[in-house]
Amino acid sequence: MTAPIPHTPAALPTVVIGAGPVGLAAAARLVERDIEPLVLEAGAAAGSAVREWSHVRLFSPWAEVVDPAAEKLLAPTGWVKPDGAAYPTGGDWVTGYLRPLADVLGDKVRFGATVTGVSRQGRDRVVDADRERQPFTVLVRNTDGSEERILARAVIDASGTWSTPGPIGGDGLPALGERASGERVSYRVPDLKDPAVRARYAGKRTAVIGSGASAFTALASLADLAREAAGTHAVWVLRRGISGATFGGGEADQLPARGALGLAAKAAVDDGYADAVTGFRTDAVEKSGARLVLAAEDGRRLDPVDEIIVLTGFRPDLSFLGELRLGLDDRLQAPVALAPLIDPNQHSCGTVYPHGVQELSHPEKDVYLVGMKSYGRAPTFLAMTGYEQVRSVAAALAGDHEAAARVELTLPETGVCGGAGLFDETTDAQEPGSAEEAGGVKEAGGCCGTPSAC
C-alpha cells in the first residue's frame, strides 16, 4: 500500500536508510532541525552491521565516535557518556551508544524494513516533467514478507557497504572456484574468542588476503593463536609489494590504535607466525584433497591452506537506487564532487578534508549518500567524517545554507594510510588501491560500517 499524501511536502518524513552510526546521527541532526526523520533498518536492531564485528576494537576513542546532536538527545535520559579517552569495541559502541540512541528516537526508527527501491512518485529516471515537485517513493519489504511504499521529502542513504565485501579475484571479480569453496572462505575478521571460531583456525594454515586494517587485525589475532596452538600459521597474500607504508604509520600515526595494529601485523611476520607473499593477484581457488590452493594470474601457486580469510574491501550496493539520477564517479562509485578528494590513486587519508552537502549532492535533488556508502570503493572512512556529512545535509534540508557550507570538523592529519596505484607508483609500482580500509571499521576517528575504517 502507499501512504496518503500529506497536504504539504514539508509534512513528509525524510527517510534515512540504515540505523548504523551515521544513519542514527542523521536522524538526530534532523530532529535538531525540526525535520521528521524515519529511519528504515533492514536488521533487527540498531547497529546491525557493527554487531557483526563486535569483537573488533575501534581505532578512535569514545570522544570521536559520539555525534554531538545525538549526545544532546541522550543527555536528558540519564545516559552517561563513556570515558572519552577509552577505545570501545564494536559491541561497546552498540550497547553504550547506538542502542540507547535508537531507543530515544523511538518510533522514528523501524527495524526489519529492507529498502528495495527508491524513485520519484509517478516518475522513473527517464521522465523530466515536474520531477522535482514529486515526493520520493521508497519501496520497503518487511520481515513478514509484506511490502509498502513510503513517501518522503528527501532520502539519506546511510546503508553502508558491509553487506557487499570485495571478492578474492585481483580483477574485482570472484576468483574461479571461490564460490564453490564457500564453506572454507570467510569475508570477516574472525572472533577467536569464540570457541567454535577458534577451533576452525587453531592448528590450521590460513591465507589472509588484503592489505588494510582488517587484514592487520586478522594477522595479529592469528599470531596470538599461533603462540598457543601449535601448527597455526598465516599466509599473508598481498596484491601489491611491501613498502614503508605497508604496515601503516606505526608510532607516527595520529590514530595511535591504528598505528599499533600495523605494528602488531608486522610483528606477526617478523616473528615467523605469518609469511608474506607479494604481487599475488589471485585468479583461481583450486581444491587439493581437503585443502585449497591459491593460483595467481602469473601462474604462481601457493602451498595448500585450510582456510581463506578475504579482506579486500567493500563496495556500495546501488541496486535499489537505479531509478534515481545519481552522479557517481566511474571508478570509485562515490559522488563525483567527492571522488577526487578520496581517490586512493592520488591521496592519502591525511589529505582528505572535511566535506558536506556540496560534495554529496547529485543531479537528483534531495537525495544523499552518506557515511561509508558515500566513499564508494575508496578506503579509510572515519565516523566523525560521517557525522560532519549529516550535519551539513540536515542544515541544507532545513534551508540553512550558511551552516551547510560551514566546516565544523578538524580531522587528524596523517599521510600514513596512502593508497596504492599512482599514489605509490613512484616508489613501489603498487596496484590501484582497493577499498579494504573502508567500512566496518574502512570501520576510524570512528569506524562506520566495517572494522577496517575505524
Protein backbone atom coordinates (compact mmCIF):
# COMPACT_ATOMS: atom_id res chain seq x y z
CA MET A 1 0.00 0.00 0.00
CA THR A 2 1.02 3.65 -0.32
CA ALA A 3 0.71 6.15 2.48
CA PRO A 4 -1.66 9.09 1.74
CA ILE A 5 -0.03 12.30 0.56
CA PRO A 6 0.02 15.00 3.25
CA HIS A 7 -1.18 18.47 2.34
CA THR A 8 2.34 19.94 2.20
CA PRO A 9 5.67 18.35 1.18
CA ALA A 10 7.22 19.54 4.45
CA ALA A 11 4.87 17.19 6.32
CA LEU A 12 6.52 14.17 4.72
CA PRO A 13 9.35 12.50 6.64
CA THR A 14 12.92 12.41 5.47
CA VAL A 15 13.75 8.74 5.05
CA VAL A 16 17.12 7.62 6.38
CA ILE A 17 18.25 4.20 5.16
CA GLY A 18 20.24 2.35 7.83
CA ALA A 19 20.32 2.55 11.63
CA GLY A 20 24.09 2.43 11.96
CA PRO A 21 26.27 5.16 13.48
CA VAL A 22 25.83 7.65 10.63
CA GLY A 23 22.17 6.86 9.97
CA LEU A 24 21.23 7.42 13.61
CA ALA A 25 23.36 10.58 13.69
CA ALA A 26 21.45 11.80 10.62
CA ALA A 27 18.17 11.24 12.47
CA ALA A 28 19.48 13.18 15.48
CA ARG A 29 20.55 16.06 13.25
CA LEU A 30 17.16 16.13 11.54
CA VAL A 31 15.38 16.19 14.90
CA GLU A 32 17.64 19.07 15.90
CA ARG A 33 16.40 20.91 12.80
CA ASP A 34 12.71 20.09 13.45
CA ILE A 35 12.62 17.79 10.43
CA GLU A 36 10.81 14.48 10.93
CA PRO A 37 13.08 11.50 10.23
CA LEU A 38 12.06 7.94 9.51
CA VAL A 39 14.96 5.50 9.79
CA LEU A 40 14.49 2.21 7.94
CA GLU A 41 16.80 -0.56 9.10
CA ALA A 42 16.88 -3.99 7.47
CA GLY A 43 18.28 -5.64 10.59
CA ALA A 44 16.51 -6.46 13.82
CA ALA A 45 18.31 -3.85 15.93
CA ALA A 46 20.41 -0.69 15.80
CA GLY A 47 23.94 -1.13 14.53
CA SER A 48 23.25 -4.49 12.90
CA ALA A 49 26.45 -4.37 10.86
CA VAL A 50 28.52 -3.20 13.82
CA ARG A 51 27.23 -6.15 15.83
CA GLU A 52 28.86 -8.46 13.31
CA TRP A 53 32.28 -7.11 14.24
CA SER A 54 31.51 -6.54 17.89
CA HIS A 55 34.80 -8.19 18.91
CA VAL A 56 36.92 -5.65 16.99
CA ARG A 57 38.23 -2.56 18.78
CA LEU A 58 37.83 0.83 17.08
CA PHE A 59 40.82 2.98 16.20
CA SER A 60 39.15 6.02 17.66
CA PRO A 61 38.27 6.80 21.27
CA TRP A 62 34.77 7.41 22.56
CA ALA A 63 35.26 11.16 22.26
CA GLU A 64 35.35 10.80 18.46
CA VAL A 65 32.54 8.30 17.88
CA VAL A 66 29.61 10.06 19.59
CA ASP A 67 27.77 12.61 17.46
CA PRO A 68 27.14 15.93 19.30
CA ALA A 69 23.46 16.14 18.30
CA ALA A 70 22.93 12.55 19.39
CA GLU A 71 24.58 13.31 22.72
CA LYS A 72 22.09 16.14 23.27
CA LEU A 73 19.20 13.74 22.69
CA LEU A 74 20.66 11.19 25.09
CA ALA A 75 21.60 13.56 27.92
CA PRO A 76 18.04 14.04 29.36
CA THR A 77 17.58 10.26 29.63
CA GLY A 78 20.32 9.90 32.25
CA TRP A 79 22.70 8.39 29.71
CA VAL A 80 26.29 8.63 30.90
CA LYS A 81 28.83 9.33 28.20
CA PRO A 82 31.67 6.78 28.30
CA ASP A 83 35.24 7.81 29.10
CA GLY A 84 36.28 9.87 26.09
CA ALA A 85 39.83 8.53 26.14
CA ALA A 86 38.83 4.85 26.09
CA TYR A 87 38.64 2.81 22.89
CA PRO A 88 35.38 0.88 22.50
CA THR A 89 34.88 -2.39 20.70
CA GLY A 90 32.08 -2.64 18.18
CA GLY A 91 30.00 -4.29 20.89
CA ASP A 92 30.70 -1.45 23.31
CA TRP A 93 29.67 1.05 20.65
CA VAL A 94 26.34 -0.69 20.21
CA THR A 95 25.45 -1.16 23.88
CA GLY A 96 26.89 2.13 25.12
CA TYR A 97 25.66 4.43 22.36
CA LEU A 98 23.82 3.09 19.31
CA ARG A 99 21.15 1.11 21.11
CA PRO A 100 20.35 3.91 23.61
CA LEU A 101 20.20 6.40 20.74
CA ALA A 102 17.76 4.24 18.80
CA ASP A 103 15.65 3.89 21.95
CA VAL A 104 15.49 7.68 22.33
CA LEU A 105 14.43 8.08 18.71
CA GLY A 106 11.63 5.57 19.38
CA ASP A 107 9.15 5.07 16.56
CA LYS A 108 11.29 7.24 14.29
CA VAL A 109 13.29 4.04 13.74
CA ARG A 110 11.77 0.94 12.12
CA PHE A 111 13.56 -2.40 12.17
CA GLY A 112 13.09 -5.31 9.80
CA ALA A 113 12.39 -2.87 6.96
CA THR A 114 14.52 -3.52 3.88
CA VAL A 115 14.53 -0.80 1.24
CA THR A 116 14.28 -2.44 -2.18
CA GLY A 117 13.77 0.63 -4.34
CA VAL A 118 13.71 4.44 -4.35
CA SER A 119 12.19 6.66 -7.04
CA ARG A 120 10.06 9.77 -7.57
CA GLN A 121 6.34 9.21 -7.28
CA GLY A 122 4.99 8.56 -10.77
CA ARG A 123 8.36 9.29 -12.39
CA ASP A 124 11.03 6.79 -13.42
CA ARG A 125 14.53 8.09 -14.07
CA VAL A 126 13.71 8.99 -17.69
CA VAL A 127 10.87 11.42 -17.01
CA ASP A 128 11.71 15.14 -16.63
CA ALA A 129 8.25 16.68 -16.34
CA ASP A 130 7.51 18.13 -12.91
CA ARG A 131 10.11 15.78 -11.45
CA GLU A 132 11.43 17.79 -8.51
CA ARG A 133 7.90 18.58 -7.29
CA GLN A 134 7.16 14.91 -6.77
CA PRO A 135 7.89 13.27 -3.41
CA PHE A 136 10.22 10.31 -3.24
CA THR A 137 8.63 6.90 -3.06
CA VAL A 138 10.51 4.30 -1.04
CA LEU A 139 9.63 0.66 -1.60
CA VAL A 140 10.04 -1.42 1.57
CA ARG A 141 9.89 -5.15 2.23
CA ASN A 142 9.06 -6.09 5.82
CA THR A 143 10.20 -9.17 7.69
CA ASP A 144 6.75 -10.78 7.31
CA GLY A 145 7.09 -10.54 3.52
CA SER A 146 4.65 -7.66 3.12
CA GLU A 147 5.55 -4.64 1.01
CA GLU A 148 4.66 -0.97 1.22
CA ARG A 149 5.54 2.37 -0.32
CA ILE A 150 6.55 5.26 1.90
CA LEU A 151 6.52 8.83 0.61
CA ALA A 152 9.41 11.06 1.62
CA ARG A 153 10.52 14.67 1.15
CA ALA A 154 14.19 13.60 0.99
CA VAL A 155 16.26 10.42 1.18
CA ILE A 156 19.53 9.96 3.06
CA ASP A 157 21.18 6.62 2.28
CA ALA A 158 23.42 5.60 5.18
CA SER A 159 23.21 1.87 4.48
CA GLY A 160 26.99 1.44 4.35
CA THR A 161 28.90 -1.21 2.43
CA TRP A 162 29.23 -4.02 4.98
CA SER A 163 26.87 -6.35 3.11
CA THR A 164 28.95 -6.28 -0.09
CA PRO A 165 32.56 -7.30 0.63
CA GLY A 166 35.09 -7.47 -2.16
CA PRO A 167 35.97 -10.85 -3.69
CA ILE A 168 39.28 -12.69 -3.89
CA GLY A 169 39.91 -12.06 -7.58
CA GLY A 170 42.52 -9.46 -8.40
CA ASP A 171 40.31 -8.13 -11.21
CA GLY A 172 37.43 -7.32 -8.86
CA LEU A 173 35.51 -10.46 -9.83
CA PRO A 174 35.25 -13.66 -7.81
CA ALA A 175 38.20 -15.97 -8.43
CA LEU A 176 37.45 -19.19 -10.25
CA GLY A 177 36.36 -21.69 -7.62
CA GLU A 178 35.81 -19.01 -4.96
CA ARG A 179 32.08 -19.62 -4.66
CA ALA A 180 32.50 -23.38 -4.71
CA SER A 181 34.89 -23.11 -1.76
CA GLY A 182 32.43 -21.00 0.23
CA GLU A 183 32.49 -23.06 3.43
CA ARG A 184 36.24 -22.55 3.73
CA VAL A 185 36.22 -18.86 2.80
CA SER A 186 35.34 -16.04 5.21
CA TYR A 187 34.99 -12.33 4.46
CA ARG A 188 35.15 -11.14 8.08
CA VAL A 189 37.79 -10.69 10.77
CA PRO A 190 37.46 -13.86 12.88
CA ASP A 191 36.45 -13.66 16.52
CA LEU A 192 38.99 -16.03 18.02
CA LYS A 193 37.46 -15.67 21.46
CA ASP A 194 34.52 -17.67 20.19
CA PRO A 195 35.38 -21.36 20.86
CA ALA A 196 33.85 -22.55 17.58
CA VAL A 197 35.74 -19.95 15.53
CA ARG A 198 38.92 -20.63 17.46
CA ALA A 199 38.65 -24.34 16.68
CA ARG A 200 38.22 -23.53 12.99
CA TYR A 201 41.63 -21.84 12.78
CA ALA A 202 43.68 -23.48 15.56
CA GLY A 203 46.44 -25.68 14.17
CA LYS A 204 45.48 -24.69 10.64
CA ARG A 205 47.20 -22.88 7.80
CA THR A 206 45.17 -19.81 6.83
CA ALA A 207 45.57 -17.42 3.90
CA VAL A 208 44.74 -13.78 4.72
CA ILE A 209 44.09 -11.73 1.57
CA GLY A 210 44.11 -7.94 1.91
CA SER A 211 46.34 -5.03 2.82
CA GLY A 212 44.43 -2.80 5.22
CA ALA A 213 43.44 -2.61 8.84
CA SER A 214 41.13 -5.62 8.71
CA ALA A 215 43.99 -7.75 7.41
CA PHE A 216 46.25 -6.37 10.17
CA THR A 217 43.65 -7.36 12.74
CA ALA A 218 43.32 -10.88 11.37
CA LEU A 219 47.09 -11.38 11.20
CA ALA A 220 47.64 -10.15 14.75
CA SER A 221 44.83 -12.38 16.03
CA LEU A 222 46.14 -15.46 14.23
CA ALA A 223 49.63 -14.76 15.57
CA ASP A 224 48.23 -14.71 19.11
CA LEU A 225 46.50 -18.02 18.42
CA ALA A 226 49.72 -19.49 16.99
CA ARG A 227 51.52 -18.77 20.26
CA GLU A 228 49.09 -21.11 22.00
CA ALA A 229 48.05 -23.62 19.32
CA ALA A 230 50.89 -25.45 17.58
CA GLY A 231 50.64 -25.66 13.82
CA THR A 232 48.71 -22.41 13.43
CA HIS A 233 50.18 -20.32 10.65
CA ALA A 234 49.08 -17.46 8.38
CA VAL A 235 49.99 -16.70 4.79
CA TRP A 236 49.51 -13.00 4.08
CA VAL A 237 48.63 -12.52 0.41
CA LEU A 238 49.23 -9.01 -0.92
CA ARG A 239 48.36 -7.81 -4.40
CA ARG A 240 50.98 -5.12 -4.06
CA GLY A 241 54.61 -5.07 -2.94
CA ILE A 242 55.85 -4.27 0.55
CA SER A 243 56.93 -0.68 1.16
CA GLY A 244 57.49 1.58 4.14
CA ALA A 245 53.75 2.26 4.27
CA THR A 246 52.63 -1.38 4.11
CA PHE A 247 52.19 -1.67 7.86
CA GLY A 248 50.65 1.77 8.30
CA GLY A 249 52.13 4.67 10.21
CA GLY A 250 53.24 2.92 13.37
CA GLU A 251 54.20 5.41 16.04
CA ALA A 252 53.72 8.31 13.57
CA ASP A 253 50.04 7.57 13.05
CA GLN A 254 47.80 10.23 14.62
CA LEU A 255 45.31 7.44 15.30
CA PRO A 256 47.61 5.57 17.74
CA ALA A 257 45.47 2.44 17.92
CA ARG A 258 45.64 2.07 14.15
CA GLY A 259 49.40 2.53 14.20
CA ALA A 260 49.77 -0.12 16.91
CA LEU A 261 47.69 -2.55 14.87
CA GLY A 262 50.02 -2.22 11.89
CA LEU A 263 53.00 -2.86 14.15
CA ALA A 264 51.31 -5.99 15.51
CA ALA A 265 50.83 -7.28 11.97
CA LYS A 266 54.50 -6.58 11.22
CA ALA A 267 55.48 -8.49 14.35
CA ALA A 268 53.40 -11.46 13.16
CA VAL A 269 55.57 -11.62 10.04
CA ASP A 270 58.87 -10.82 11.78
CA ASP A 271 58.25 -13.46 14.47
CA GLY A 272 57.52 -16.16 11.92
CA TYR A 273 53.81 -16.62 12.59
CA ALA A 274 52.94 -15.37 9.10
CA ASP A 275 54.59 -15.39 5.69
CA ALA A 276 54.05 -12.51 3.28
CA VAL A 277 53.50 -13.21 -0.41
CA THR A 278 53.63 -10.06 -2.56
CA GLY A 279 52.42 -9.10 -6.02
CA PHE A 280 49.97 -12.01 -5.95
CA ARG A 281 46.73 -11.39 -7.83
CA THR A 282 44.55 -14.42 -7.31
CA ASP A 283 42.93 -15.95 -10.39
CA ALA A 284 41.61 -19.24 -9.00
CA VAL A 285 40.96 -21.23 -5.84
CA GLU A 286 41.70 -24.88 -6.52
CA LYS A 287 40.99 -27.93 -4.41
CA SER A 288 43.86 -30.15 -3.31
CA GLY A 289 42.36 -33.00 -1.37
CA ALA A 290 40.77 -31.45 1.71
CA ARG A 291 42.74 -28.23 1.29
CA LEU A 292 42.72 -25.20 -1.02
CA VAL A 293 45.37 -23.79 -3.32
CA LEU A 294 45.53 -20.17 -4.47
CA ALA A 295 46.65 -19.72 -8.08
CA ALA A 296 47.78 -16.32 -9.37
CA GLU A 297 47.31 -14.63 -12.73
CA ASP A 298 51.05 -15.04 -13.37
CA GLY A 299 50.92 -18.81 -12.89
CA ARG A 300 52.25 -18.99 -9.34
CA ARG A 301 50.53 -21.41 -6.95
CA LEU A 302 50.83 -21.22 -3.18
CA ASP A 303 51.19 -24.17 -0.85
CA PRO A 304 47.80 -25.59 0.25
CA VAL A 305 45.88 -23.88 3.04
CA ASP A 306 42.99 -24.99 5.21
CA GLU A 307 41.11 -21.68 5.37
CA ILE A 308 40.96 -18.37 3.48
CA ILE A 309 40.08 -15.00 5.02
CA VAL A 310 39.26 -12.41 2.35
CA LEU A 311 39.58 -8.78 3.47
CA THR A 312 39.78 -6.94 0.16
CA GLY A 313 37.42 -4.12 0.97
CA PHE A 314 33.79 -3.28 0.36
CA ARG A 315 31.68 -1.80 -2.38
CA PRO A 316 28.32 0.01 -2.35
CA ASP A 317 25.05 -1.72 -3.19
CA LEU A 318 23.45 0.64 -5.69
CA SER A 319 20.84 -1.79 -6.97
CA PHE A 320 17.87 -0.22 -5.17
CA LEU A 321 18.79 3.31 -6.32
CA GLY A 322 18.57 2.56 -10.03
CA GLU A 323 15.59 4.87 -10.68
CA LEU A 324 17.36 7.91 -9.23
CA ARG A 325 19.64 10.23 -11.16
CA LEU A 326 22.87 9.84 -9.25
CA GLY A 327 26.14 11.47 -10.21
CA LEU A 328 28.78 8.86 -9.36
CA ASP A 329 32.43 8.62 -10.26
CA ASP A 330 33.07 5.86 -12.80
CA ARG A 331 35.85 4.27 -10.74
CA LEU A 332 35.07 4.79 -7.08
CA GLN A 333 31.25 4.83 -7.28
CA ALA A 334 31.35 7.88 -5.00
CA PRO A 335 29.67 11.26 -5.68
CA VAL A 336 31.56 12.97 -8.49
CA ALA A 337 32.49 16.04 -6.44
CA LEU A 338 33.74 13.90 -3.56
CA ALA A 339 35.69 11.33 -5.57
CA PRO A 340 38.77 13.48 -6.33
CA LEU A 341 39.17 14.16 -2.60
CA ILE A 342 39.24 10.49 -1.60
CA ASP A 343 40.76 8.77 -4.63
CA PRO A 344 43.41 6.36 -3.25
CA ASN A 345 45.27 6.62 -6.56
CA GLN A 346 46.04 10.25 -5.72
CA HIS A 347 45.70 10.83 -1.99
CA SER A 348 46.49 9.50 1.42
CA CYS A 349 43.78 9.78 4.06
CA GLY A 350 45.65 12.70 5.57
CA THR A 351 44.91 14.82 2.50
CA VAL A 352 41.13 14.35 2.64
CA TYR A 353 39.46 17.38 4.18
CA PRO A 354 36.01 17.54 5.79
CA HIS A 355 33.15 17.90 3.36
CA GLY A 356 29.40 18.25 3.29
CA VAL A 357 26.34 18.79 1.18
CA GLN A 358 28.15 20.45 -1.72
CA GLU A 359 30.32 17.37 -2.36
CA LEU A 360 27.46 14.95 -1.62
CA SER A 361 24.81 16.40 -3.95
CA HIS A 362 23.51 14.59 -7.03
CA PRO A 363 21.55 15.60 -10.13
CA GLU A 364 18.54 14.20 -8.24
CA LYS A 365 17.72 16.92 -5.72
CA ASP A 366 17.43 15.99 -2.03
CA VAL A 367 18.95 12.52 -2.21
CA TYR A 368 22.27 11.94 -0.44
CA LEU A 369 24.62 9.01 0.03
CA VAL A 370 26.40 9.50 3.36
CA GLY A 371 28.73 7.62 5.65
CA MET A 372 30.73 4.72 4.31
CA LYS A 373 28.45 4.46 1.29
CA SER A 374 29.45 7.94 0.16
CA TYR A 375 33.04 6.71 -0.22
CA GLY A 376 32.03 4.01 -2.69
CA ARG A 377 35.10 1.81 -3.06
CA ALA A 378 37.53 4.29 -1.51
CA PRO A 379 39.22 3.37 1.78
CA THR A 380 39.76 4.77 5.26
CA PHE A 381 36.50 6.32 6.32
CA LEU A 382 36.13 7.93 9.74
CA ALA A 383 32.90 8.03 11.75
CA MET A 384 33.38 11.70 12.55
CA THR A 385 33.57 12.38 8.81
CA GLY A 386 30.11 10.87 8.51
CA TYR A 387 28.83 12.94 11.42
CA GLU A 388 30.03 16.09 9.69
CA GLN A 389 28.37 14.98 6.45
CA VAL A 390 24.93 14.56 8.03
CA ARG A 391 25.23 17.81 9.99
CA SER A 392 25.72 19.62 6.70
CA VAL A 393 22.94 17.69 4.91
CA ALA A 394 20.42 18.35 7.69
CA ALA A 395 21.27 22.06 7.62
CA ALA A 396 20.74 22.15 3.84
CA LEU A 397 17.37 20.39 4.12
CA ALA A 398 16.37 22.98 6.73
CA GLY A 399 17.30 25.79 4.35
CA ASP A 400 20.26 26.93 6.45
CA HIS A 401 22.74 27.06 3.59
CA GLU A 402 25.31 29.05 5.56
CA ALA A 403 25.56 26.29 8.16
CA ALA A 404 25.53 23.62 5.46
CA ALA A 405 28.58 25.18 3.81
CA ARG A 406 30.46 25.68 7.07
CA VAL A 407 33.15 23.19 8.13
CA GLU A 408 32.84 22.21 11.79
CA LEU A 409 35.36 19.39 11.94
CA THR A 410 39.12 19.04 12.13
CA LEU A 411 40.41 15.62 11.10
CA PRO A 412 43.70 14.05 12.18
CA GLU A 413 46.37 14.78 9.60
CA THR A 414 48.32 11.64 8.76
CA GLY A 415 49.77 10.56 5.47
CA VAL A 416 50.42 7.01 6.57
CA CYS A 417 47.41 5.34 5.00
CA GLY A 418 48.10 6.19 1.41
CA GLY A 419 46.51 4.13 -1.28
CA ALA A 420 48.34 2.29 -3.98
CA GLY A 421 48.40 2.72 -7.72
CA LEU A 422 49.51 6.17 -8.84
CA PHE A 423 49.85 7.42 -5.27
CA ASP A 424 52.63 4.91 -4.56
CA GLU A 425 53.80 4.28 -8.09
CA THR A 426 56.92 6.40 -7.83
CA THR A 427 58.28 4.08 -5.17
CA ASP A 428 56.69 0.66 -5.49
CA ALA A 429 54.54 0.45 -8.61
CA GLN A 430 51.76 -0.97 -6.49
CA GLU A 431 48.33 -1.84 -7.76
CA PRO A 432 45.42 0.59 -7.59
CA GLY A 433 44.14 0.65 -4.04
CA SER A 434 41.21 -1.45 -3.01
CA ALA A 435 38.56 -0.25 -0.60
CA GLU A 436 39.85 -2.58 2.05
CA GLU A 437 40.00 0.08 4.70
CA ALA A 438 36.62 1.41 4.09
CA GLY A 439 33.90 0.47 6.27
CA GLY A 440 33.12 -1.71 9.50
CA VAL A 441 35.89 -0.25 10.98
CA LYS A 442 37.01 1.03 6.38
CA GLU A 443 35.10 0.89 10.11
CA ALA A 444 38.08 5.10 12.07
CA GLY A 445 38.26 8.80 14.01
CA GLY A 446 35.47 6.31 14.44
CA CYS A 447 34.51 3.46 12.40
CA CYS A 448 31.46 3.25 10.35
CA GLY A 449 30.41 0.03 8.98
CA THR A 450 33.46 -2.13 8.87
CA PRO A 451 36.39 -2.87 11.04
CA SER A 452 38.84 -1.51 8.55
CA ALA A 453 37.63 2.03 8.77
CA CYS A 454 38.00 2.96 12.40
